PDB file of N, CA and C in Angstrom:
ATOM      1  N   MET A   1     -13.332  -0.586  10.811  1.00  0.00           N
ATOM      2  CA  MET A   1     -13.145  -1.869  11.744  1.00  0.00           C
ATOM      3  C   MET A   1     -13.878  -2.810  11.747  1.00  0.00           C
ATOM      4  N   PRO A   2     -14.056  -3.782  11.167  1.00  0.00           N
ATOM      5  CA  PRO A   2     -15.079  -4.817  11.302  1.00  0.00           C
ATOM      6  C   PRO A   2     -14.545  -5.394  12.624  1.00  0.00           C
ATOM      7  N   LYS A   3     -15.701  -5.411  13.053  1.00  0.00           N
ATOM      8  CA  LYS A   3     -15.813  -6.594  14.727  1.00  0.00           C
ATOM      9  C   LYS A   3     -16.058  -7.955  14.363  1.00  0.00           C
ATOM     10  N   TRP A   4     -15.829  -8.747  14.596  1.00  0.00           N
ATOM     11  CA  TRP A   4     -15.943 -10.253  14.612  1.00  0.00           C
ATOM     12  C   TRP A   4     -16.504 -10.882  15.891  1.00  0.00           C
ATOM     13  N   VAL A   5     -17.222 -11.564  15.369  1.00  0.00           N
ATOM     14  CA  VAL A   5     -17.831 -12.648  16.897  1.00  0.00           C
ATOM     15  C   VAL A   5     -17.225 -14.158  16.955  1.00  0.00           C
ATOM     16  N   MET A   6     -16.915 -14.147  18.146  1.00  0.00           N
ATOM     17  CA  MET A   6     -15.898 -15.035  18.287  1.00  0.00           C
ATOM     18  C   MET A   6     -16.749 -16.475  18.752  1.00  0.00           C
ATOM     19  N   TYR A   7     -16.695 -17.573  18.003  1.00  0.00           N
ATOM     20  CA  TYR A   7     -17.240 -18.999  18.964  1.00  0.00           C
ATOM     21  C   TYR A   7     -16.144 -19.890  19.021  1.00  0.00           C
ATOM     22  N   CYS A   8     -15.975 -20.853  20.597  1.00  0.00           N
ATOM     23  CA  CYS A   8     -15.437 -21.348  20.660  1.00  0.00           C
ATOM     24  C   CYS A   8     -15.816 -23.040  21.175  1.00  0.00           C
ATOM     25  N   ASN A   9     -15.428 -23.657  20.211  1.00  0.00           N
ATOM     26  CA  ASN A   9     -16.121 -24.996  20.138  1.00  0.00           C
ATOM     27  C   ASN A   9     -17.722 -24.895  19.978  1.00  0.00           C
ATOM     28  N   GLY A  10     -18.225 -23.666  19.176  1.00  0.00           N
ATOM     29  CA  GLY A  10     -19.270 -23.953  18.929  1.00  0.00           C
ATOM     30  C   GLY A  10     -20.408 -23.339  19.994  1.00  0.00           C
ATOM     31  N   LYS A  11     -19.517 -22.347  20.819  1.00  0.00           N
ATOM     32  CA  LYS A  11     -20.043 -21.729  21.964  1.00  0.00           C
ATOM     33  C   LYS A  11     -19.859 -20.348  21.640  1.00  0.00           C
ATOM     34  N   LYS A  12     -20.352 -19.305  21.761  1.00  0.00           N
ATOM     35  CA  LYS A  12     -20.405 -17.727  21.540  1.00  0.00           C
ATOM     36  C   LYS A  12     -19.605 -17.112  22.927  1.00  0.00           C
ATOM     37  N   MET A  13     -18.574 -16.886  22.272  1.00  0.00           N
ATOM     38  CA  MET A  13     -17.654 -16.278  23.468  1.00  0.00           C
ATOM     39  C   MET A  13     -18.079 -14.955  23.418  1.00  0.00           C
ATOM     40  N   GLY A  14     -18.052 -13.917  22.080  1.00  0.00           N
ATOM     41  CA  GLY A  14     -18.005 -12.350  22.616  1.00  0.00           C
ATOM     42  C   GLY A  14     -17.812 -12.012  21.105  1.00  0.00           C
ATOM     43  N   PHE A  15     -16.484 -11.011  21.227  1.00  0.00           N
ATOM     44  CA  PHE A  15     -16.368 -10.589  20.068  1.00  0.00           C
ATOM     45  C   PHE A  15     -15.483 -10.251  20.121  1.00  0.00           C
ATOM     46  N   ALA A  16     -14.733  -9.786  19.014  1.00  0.00           N
ATOM     47  CA  ALA A  16     -13.019  -9.718  18.764  1.00  0.00           C
ATOM     48  C   ALA A  16     -12.633  -8.613  17.792  1.00  0.00           C
ATOM     49  N   ARG A  17     -11.737  -7.824  17.789  1.00  0.00           N
ATOM     50  CA  ARG A  17     -11.351  -7.122  16.725  1.00  0.00           C
ATOM     51  C   ARG A  17     -10.027  -6.669  16.573  1.00  0.00           C
ATOM     52  N   ARG A  18      -9.269  -6.561  15.571  1.00  0.00           N
ATOM     53  CA  ARG A  18      -7.954  -6.417  15.223  1.00  0.00           C
ATOM     54  C   ARG A  18      -7.521  -4.925  16.110  1.00  0.00           C
ATOM     55  N   ARG A  19      -6.390  -4.914  16.336  1.00  0.00           N
ATOM     56  CA  ARG A  19      -6.104  -4.041  17.101  1.00  0.00           C
ATOM     57  C   ARG A  19      -4.235  -3.698  17.354  1.00  0.00           C
ATOM     58  N   GLU A  20      -3.788  -2.558  17.774  1.00  0.00           N
ATOM     59  CA  GLU A  20      -2.532  -2.560  17.528  1.00  0.00           C
ATOM     60  C   GLU A  20      -2.125  -2.851  18.777  1.00  0.00           C
ATOM     61  N   VAL A  21      -0.571  -3.670  18.618  1.00  0.00           N
ATOM     62  CA  VAL A  21       0.064  -4.161  19.897  1.00  0.00           C
ATOM     63  C   VAL A  21       0.604  -3.192  20.800  1.00  0.00           C
ATOM     64  N   ASP A  22       0.391  -3.304  21.969  1.00  0.00           N
ATOM     65  CA  ASP A  22       0.748  -2.567  22.984  1.00  0.00           C
ATOM     66  C   ASP A  22       2.182  -2.900  23.689  1.00  0.00           C
ATOM     67  N   ARG A  23       2.554  -1.880  24.605  1.00  0.00           N
ATOM     68  CA  ARG A  23       3.767  -2.921  25.609  1.00  0.00           C
ATOM     69  C   ARG A  23       3.247  -3.630  26.104  1.00  0.00           C
ATOM     70  N   LYS A  24       1.915  -3.725  26.775  1.00  0.00           N
ATOM     71  CA  LYS A  24       1.729  -5.045  27.848  1.00  0.00           C
ATOM     72  C   LYS A  24       1.642  -6.413  26.708  1.00  0.00           C
ATOM     73  N   ASP A  25       0.410  -6.321  25.279  1.00  0.00           N
ATOM     74  CA  ASP A  25       1.285  -7.281  24.302  1.00  0.00           C
ATOM     75  C   ASP A  25       2.256  -7.770  23.920  1.00  0.00           C
ATOM     76  N   ALA A  26       2.752  -6.941  23.957  1.00  0.00           N
ATOM     77  CA  ALA A  26       4.678  -7.393  23.725  1.00  0.00           C
ATOM     78  C   ALA A  26       5.361  -8.007  24.397  1.00  0.00           C
ATOM     79  N   TRP A  27       4.895  -7.495  25.723  1.00  0.00           N
ATOM     80  CA  TRP A  27       5.794  -8.333  27.048  1.00  0.00           C
ATOM     81  C   TRP A  27       5.256  -9.833  26.985  1.00  0.00           C
ATOM     82  N   LEU A  28       3.625  -9.909  27.040  1.00  0.00           N
ATOM     83  CA  LEU A  28       2.918 -11.100  26.905  1.00  0.00           C
ATOM     84  C   LEU A  28       3.441 -12.242  25.794  1.00  0.00           C
ATOM     85  N   LEU A  29       4.040 -11.426  25.013  1.00  0.00           N
ATOM     86  CA  LEU A  29       4.355 -12.364  23.540  1.00  0.00           C
ATOM     87  C   LEU A  29       5.954 -12.570  23.541  1.00  0.00           C
ATOM     88  N   GLU A  30       6.782 -11.951  24.546  1.00  0.00           N
ATOM     89  CA  GLU A  30       7.797 -12.179  24.414  1.00  0.00           C
ATOM     90  C   GLU A  30       8.050 -13.509  25.992  1.00  0.00           C
ATOM     91  N   MET A  31       7.247 -13.307  26.638  1.00  0.00           N
ATOM     92  CA  MET A  31       6.705 -14.565  27.976  1.00  0.00           C
ATOM     93  C   MET A  31       6.813 -15.559  27.125  1.00  0.00           C
ATOM     94  N   LEU A  32       6.272 -15.672  26.317  1.00  0.00           N
ATOM     95  CA  LEU A  32       5.796 -16.663  25.388  1.00  0.00           C
ATOM     96  C   LEU A  32       6.522 -17.592  24.386  1.00  0.00           C
ATOM     97  N   ARG A  33       7.247 -16.537  23.810  1.00  0.00           N
ATOM     98  CA  ARG A  33       8.290 -16.997  23.191  1.00  0.00           C
ATOM     99  C   ARG A  33       8.842 -18.502  22.850  1.00  0.00           C
ATOM    100  N   SER A  34       9.749 -18.784  24.370  1.00  0.00           N
ATOM    101  CA  SER A  34      10.075 -19.870  24.300  1.00  0.00           C
ATOM    102  C   SER A  34       9.329 -21.190  24.601  1.00  0.00           C
ATOM    103  N   VAL A  35       7.659 -20.624  24.737  1.00  0.00           N
ATOM    104  CA  VAL A  35       7.120 -21.802  24.615  1.00  0.00           C
ATOM    105  C   VAL A  35       6.590 -22.667  23.532  1.00  0.00           C
ATOM    106  N   SER A  36       6.769 -23.787  23.401  1.00  0.00           N
ATOM    107  CA  SER A  36       6.075 -24.592  21.644  1.00  0.00           C
ATOM    108  C   SER A  36       4.817 -24.950  22.131  1.00  0.00           C
ATOM    109  N   ALA A  37       4.110 -25.324  23.202  1.00  0.00           N
ATOM    110  CA  ALA A  37       2.918 -26.033  23.320  1.00  0.00           C
ATOM    111  C   ALA A  37       2.630 -26.117  24.739  1.00  0.00           C
ATOM    112  N   GLY A  38       1.106 -25.831  25.630  1.00  0.00           N
ATOM    113  CA  GLY A  38       0.857 -26.269  26.646  1.00  0.00           C
ATOM    114  C   GLY A  38      -0.095 -25.025  27.283  1.00  0.00           C
ATOM    115  N   ALA A  39      -0.648 -24.604  28.373  1.00  0.00           N
ATOM    116  CA  ALA A  39      -1.389 -24.062  28.961  1.00  0.00           C
ATOM    117  C   ALA A  39      -0.832 -23.561  30.365  1.00  0.00           C
ATOM    118  N   GLY A  40      -1.290 -22.580  30.547  1.00  0.00           N
ATOM    119  CA  GLY A  40      -0.803 -22.282  31.751  1.00  0.00           C
ATOM    120  C   GLY A  40      -1.541 -20.280  32.484  1.00  0.00           C
ATOM    121  N   VAL A  41      -0.331 -20.271  33.493  1.00  0.00           N
ATOM    122  CA  VAL A  41      -1.051 -18.867  33.680  1.00  0.00           C
ATOM    123  C   VAL A  41       0.266 -17.941  34.044  1.00  0.00           C
ATOM    124  N   LEU A  42       0.532 -16.638  33.392  1.00  0.00           N
ATOM    125  CA  LEU A  42       1.741 -15.686  33.586  1.00  0.00           C
ATOM    126  C   LEU A  42       0.773 -14.688  34.262  1.00  0.00           C
ATOM    127  N   PRO A  43       2.584 -14.435  35.555  1.00  0.00           N
ATOM    128  CA  PRO A  43       1.474 -13.888  36.579  1.00  0.00           C
ATOM    129  C   PRO A  43       1.426 -12.701  36.043  1.00  0.00           C
ATOM    130  N   ASP A  44       0.961 -11.856  37.114  1.00  0.00           N
ATOM    131  CA  ASP A  44       0.874 -10.260  36.959  1.00  0.00           C
ATOM    132  C   ASP A  44      -0.202 -10.006  38.074  1.00  0.00           C
ATOM    133  N   LYS A  45       1.327  -8.462  38.361  1.00  0.00           N
ATOM    134  CA  LYS A  45       0.708  -8.365  40.009  1.00  0.00           C
ATOM    135  C   LYS A  45      -1.014  -7.189  39.863  1.00  0.00           C
ATOM    136  N   ASP A  46      -0.949  -7.045  38.622  1.00  0.00           N
ATOM    137  CA  ASP A  46      -2.158  -5.871  38.175  1.00  0.00           C
ATOM    138  C   ASP A  46      -3.437  -6.671  38.244  1.00  0.00           C
ATOM    139  N   SER A  47      -3.575  -7.702  37.268  1.00  0.00           N
ATOM    140  CA  SER A  47      -4.772  -8.202  37.167  1.00  0.00           C
ATOM    141  C   SER A  47      -4.616 -10.054  37.569  1.00  0.00           C
ATOM    142  N   GLY A  48      -3.858 -10.396  38.164  1.00  0.00           N
ATOM    143  CA  GLY A  48      -3.511 -11.498  39.264  1.00  0.00           C
ATOM    144  C   GLY A  48      -3.259 -12.608  37.795  1.00  0.00           C
ATOM    145  N   GLY A  49      -2.862 -12.245  36.718  1.00  0.00           N
ATOM    146  CA  GLY A  49      -2.284 -13.293  35.983  1.00  0.00           C
ATOM    147  C   GLY A  49      -2.973 -13.504  34.562  1.00  0.00           C
ATOM    148  N   TYR A  50      -2.625 -13.924  33.494  1.00  0.00           N
ATOM    149  CA  TYR A  50      -3.003 -14.169  31.836  1.00  0.00           C
ATOM    150  C   TYR A  50      -3.123 -15.458  31.703  1.00  0.00           C
ATOM    151  N   LYS A  51      -4.320 -16.674  31.262  1.00  0.00           N
ATOM    152  CA  LYS A  51      -4.075 -17.158  31.214  1.00  0.00           C
ATOM    153  C   LYS A  51      -3.494 -17.532  29.578  1.00  0.00           C
ATOM    154  N   TYR A  52      -2.818 -18.816  28.996  1.00  0.00           N
ATOM    155  CA  TYR A  52      -2.601 -18.825  27.667  1.00  0.00           C
ATOM    156  C   TYR A  52      -2.608 -20.568  27.798  1.00  0.00           C
ATOM    157  N   LEU A  53      -2.548 -20.672  26.401  1.00  0.00           N
ATOM    158  CA  LEU A  53      -3.137 -21.909  25.374  1.00  0.00           C
ATOM    159  C   LEU A  53      -2.079 -21.244  24.208  1.00  0.00           C
ATOM    160  N   ARG A  54      -0.932 -22.146  24.753  1.00  0.00           N
ATOM    161  CA  ARG A  54      -0.016 -22.502  22.743  1.00  0.00           C
ATOM    162  C   ARG A  54       0.034 -23.747  22.008  1.00  0.00           C
ATOM    163  N   GLY A  55       0.026 -23.525  21.007  1.00  0.00           N
ATOM    164  CA  GLY A  55      -0.071 -24.883  20.464  1.00  0.00           C
ATOM    165  C   GLY A  55       0.207 -24.645  19.184  1.00  0.00           C
ATOM    166  N   GLN A  56      -0.284 -25.736  17.956  1.00  0.00           N
ATOM    167  CA  GLN A  56      -0.359 -25.107  16.588  1.00  0.00           C
ATOM    168  C   GLN A  56      -1.555 -25.680  15.949  1.00  0.00           C
ATOM    169  N   PHE A  57      -1.767 -24.225  15.445  1.00  0.00           N
ATOM    170  CA  PHE A  57      -3.294 -24.073  14.784  1.00  0.00           C
ATOM    171  C   PHE A  57      -3.573 -24.052  13.462  1.00  0.00           C
ATOM    172  N   GLU A  58      -4.722 -25.069  13.027  1.00  0.00           N
ATOM    173  CA  GLU A  58      -4.485 -24.993  11.470  1.00  0.00           C
ATOM    174  C   GLU A  58      -5.557 -24.200  10.862  1.00  0.00           C
ATOM    175  N   GLN A  59      -5.734 -23.182   9.609  1.00  0.00           N
ATOM    176  CA  GLN A  59      -6.421 -22.465   9.754  1.00  0.00           C
ATOM    177  C   GLN A  59      -7.621 -23.360   8.537  1.00  0.00           C
ATOM    178  N   VAL A  60      -9.065 -23.593   8.926  1.00  0.00           N
ATOM    179  CA  VAL A  60      -9.649 -24.416   7.647  1.00  0.00           C
ATOM    180  C   VAL A  60      -9.941 -23.096   6.540  1.00  0.00           C
ATOM    181  N   ALA A  61     -10.166 -23.377   5.430  1.00  0.00           N
ATOM    182  CA  ALA A  61     -10.867 -22.775   4.367  1.00  0.00           C
ATOM    183  C   ALA A  61     -12.613 -22.899   4.791  1.00  0.00           C
ATOM    184  N   THR A  62     -13.012 -21.755   4.613  1.00  0.00           N
ATOM    185  CA  THR A  62     -14.849 -21.690   4.951  1.00  0.00           C
ATOM    186  C   THR A  62     -15.482 -21.296   3.985  1.00  0.00           C
ATOM    187  N   GLY A  63     -14.555 -20.528   2.615  1.00  0.00           N
ATOM    188  CA  GLY A  63     -15.038 -20.518   1.644  1.00  0.00           C
ATOM    189  C   GLY A  63     -15.704 -19.003   1.782  1.00  0.00           C
ATOM    190  N   SER A  64     -16.148 -18.291   2.968  1.00  0.00           N
ATOM    191  CA  SER A  64     -16.380 -16.724   2.977  1.00  0.00           C
ATOM    192  C   SER A  64     -15.280 -15.650   3.701  1.00  0.00           C
ATOM    193  N   ASP A  65     -15.670 -14.825   2.739  1.00  0.00           N
ATOM    194  CA  ASP A  65     -14.762 -13.392   3.548  1.00  0.00           C
ATOM    195  C   ASP A  65     -15.340 -13.222   4.572  1.00  0.00           C
ATOM    196  N   ASN A  66     -16.084 -13.820   5.212  1.00  0.00           N
ATOM    197  CA  ASN A  66     -16.900 -13.152   6.140  1.00  0.00           C
ATOM    198  C   ASN A  66     -16.901 -14.080   7.618  1.00  0.00           C
ATOM    199  N   SER A  67     -15.992 -15.486   7.373  1.00  0.00           N
ATOM    200  CA  SER A  67     -15.794 -16.187   8.164  1.00  0.00           C
ATOM    201  C   SER A  67     -14.472 -16.884   8.444  1.00  0.00           C
ATOM    202  N   GLU A  68     -13.529 -17.176   9.598  1.00  0.00           N
ATOM    203  CA  GLU A  68     -12.414 -17.314   9.457  1.00  0.00           C
ATOM    204  C   GLU A  68     -12.660 -18.544  10.282  1.00  0.00           C
ATOM    205  N   ALA A  69     -12.063 -19.611  10.645  1.00  0.00           N
ATOM    206  CA  ALA A  69     -11.911 -21.330  11.154  1.00  0.00           C
ATOM    207  C   ALA A  69     -10.357 -21.852  11.619  1.00  0.00           C
ATOM    208  N   TYR A  70     -10.416 -22.031  12.666  1.00  0.00           N
ATOM    209  CA  TYR A  70      -8.712 -22.617  13.135  1.00  0.00           C
ATOM    210  C   TYR A  70      -9.203 -23.806  14.325  1.00  0.00           C
ATOM    211  N   HIS A  71      -8.350 -24.513  14.112  1.00  0.00           N
ATOM    212  CA  HIS A  71      -8.146 -25.668  15.120  1.00  0.00           C
ATOM    213  C   HIS A  71      -7.093 -26.189  15.422  1.00  0.00           C
ATOM    214  N   LEU A  72      -7.081 -26.472  16.981  1.00  0.00           N
ATOM    215  CA  LEU A  72      -5.968 -26.610  17.544  1.00  0.00           C
ATOM    216  C   LEU A  72      -5.370 -28.674  17.092  1.00  0.00           C
ATOM    217  N   ILE A  73      -4.386 -28.237  16.481  1.00  0.00           N
ATOM    218  CA  ILE A  73      -3.425 -29.546  15.747  1.00  0.00           C
ATOM    219  C   ILE A  73      -2.614 -29.934  17.282  1.00  0.00           C
ATOM    220  N   ASP A  74      -3.266 -31.641  17.386  1.00  0.00           N
ATOM    221  CA  ASP A  74      -2.521 -32.361  18.558  1.00  0.00           C
ATOM    222  C   ASP A  74      -2.105 -33.752  18.378  1.00  0.00           C
ATOM    223  N   PRO A  75      -0.840 -33.253  17.659  1.00  0.00           N
ATOM    224  CA  PRO A  75       0.035 -34.592  17.243  1.00  0.00           C
ATOM    225  C   PRO A  75       0.117 -35.759  18.342  1.00  0.00           C
ATOM    226  N   SER A  76      -0.041 -35.470  19.587  1.00  0.00           N
ATOM    227  CA  SER A  76       0.259 -36.751  20.590  1.00  0.00           C
ATOM    228  C   SER A  76      -1.181 -36.967  21.387  1.00  0.00           C
ATOM    229  N   SER A  77      -1.851 -36.407  20.538  1.00  0.00           N
ATOM    230  CA  SER A  77      -2.991 -36.781  21.962  1.00  0.00           C
ATOM    231  C   SER A  77      -3.272 -36.731  22.899  1.00  0.00           C
ATOM    232  N   CYS A  78      -2.564 -35.762  23.539  1.00  0.00           N
ATOM    233  CA  CYS A  78      -2.561 -35.925  24.796  1.00  0.00           C
ATOM    234  C   CYS A  78      -3.200 -34.384  25.641  1.00  0.00           C
ATOM    235  N   PHE A  79      -4.159 -33.846  24.560  1.00  0.00           N
ATOM    236  CA  PHE A  79      -4.827 -32.938  25.276  1.00  0.00           C
ATOM    237  C   PHE A  79      -6.289 -33.449  25.839  1.00  0.00           C
ATOM    238  N   GLY A  80      -6.648 -34.220  25.487  1.00  0.00           N
ATOM    239  CA  GLY A  80      -8.281 -35.031  25.227  1.00  0.00           C
ATOM    240  C   GLY A  80      -9.030 -34.399  25.000  1.00  0.00           C
ATOM    241  N   GLN A  81      -9.460 -33.034  24.235  1.00  0.00           N
ATOM    242  CA  GLN A  81     -10.482 -32.802  23.527  1.00  0.00           C
ATOM    243  C   GLN A  81      -9.998 -31.997  22.225  1.00  0.00           C
ATOM    244  N   ASP A  82     -10.702 -31.658  21.552  1.00  0.00           N
ATOM    245  CA  ASP A  82     -10.681 -30.748  20.053  1.00  0.00           C
ATOM    246  C   ASP A  82     -10.671 -28.884  20.596  1.00  0.00           C
ATOM    247  N   LEU A  83     -10.392 -28.118  20.164  1.00  0.00           N
ATOM    248  CA  LEU A  83     -10.482 -27.003  20.301  1.00  0.00           C
ATOM    249  C   LEU A  83     -10.211 -26.257  19.062  1.00  0.00           C
ATOM    250  N   SER A  84     -11.377 -25.676  19.069  1.00  0.00           N
ATOM    251  CA  SER A  84     -11.868 -24.861  17.470  1.00  0.00           C
ATOM    252  C   SER A  84     -12.596 -23.334  18.102  1.00  0.00           C
ATOM    253  N   VAL A  85     -11.832 -22.310  17.062  1.00  0.00           N
ATOM    254  CA  VAL A  85     -12.092 -21.151  16.872  1.00  0.00           C
ATOM    255  C   VAL A  85     -12.633 -20.818  16.097  1.00  0.00           C
ATOM    256  N   PHE A  86     -13.868 -19.761  16.000  1.00  0.00           N
ATOM    257  CA  PHE A  86     -14.187 -19.530  14.667  1.00  0.00           C
ATOM    258  C   PHE A  86     -14.532 -18.295  14.630  1.00  0.00           C
ATOM    259  N   PHE A  87     -14.736 -17.374  13.725  1.00  0.00           N
ATOM    260  CA  PHE A  87     -14.715 -15.812  13.748  1.00  0.00           C
ATOM    261  C   PHE A  87     -16.135 -16.009  12.467  1.00  0.00           C
ATOM    262  N   LEU A  88     -16.796 -15.140  13.253  1.00  0.00           N
ATOM    263  CA  LEU A  88     -17.750 -14.856  12.210  1.00  0.00           C
ATOM    264  C   LEU A  88     -18.237 -12.762  12.249  1.00  0.00           C
ATOM    265  N   ARG A  89     -17.578 -12.491  10.742  1.00  0.00           N
ATOM    266  CA  ARG A  89     -17.850 -11.016  10.537  1.00  0.00           C
ATOM    267  C   ARG A  89     -18.953 -10.420  11.518  1.00  0.00           C
ATOM    268  N   SER A  90     -19.348  -9.466  12.091  1.00  0.00           N
ATOM    269  CA  SER A  90     -20.554  -8.961  12.499  1.00  0.00           C
ATOM    270  C   SER A  90     -21.288  -7.913  11.948  1.00  0.00           C
ATOM    271  N   THR A  91     -22.497  -7.756  11.422  1.00  0.00           N
ATOM    272  CA  THR A  91     -23.096  -7.051  10.451  1.00  0.00           C
ATOM    273  C   THR A  91     -23.435  -5.513  11.121  1.00  0.00           C
ATOM    274  N   THR A  92     -23.480  -5.183  12.708  1.00  0.00           N
ATOM    275  CA  THR A  92     -23.850  -4.540  13.608  1.00  0.00           C
ATOM    276  C   THR A  92     -22.496  -3.971  13.889  1.00  0.00           C
ATOM    277  N   MET A  93     -22.182  -2.563  13.591  1.00  0.00           N
ATOM    278  CA  MET A  93     -21.076  -2.212  14.827  1.00  0.00           C
ATOM    279  C   MET A  93     -21.479  -1.901  15.953  1.00  0.00           C
TER     280      MET A  93
END
């Protein structure tokens, strides 16, 4: 399974990989179903909370199978800054 290096606004943030959805993931997605846009924290007694950012992301063509890029679309211009997430396939496992 490929590993991806993740960058957020040009800063290396860590690694990402595809995985199966577990019960906790399903619960989080269900909690965010009615949220169309915004940011916040969902409370959780075990972890202290889950931070989230919900909005419309646009996939940007990179021209390579070894990278993917997404940009947050802000039609109201109220976020105050742009957000881009870039994934680069890692050559080391």
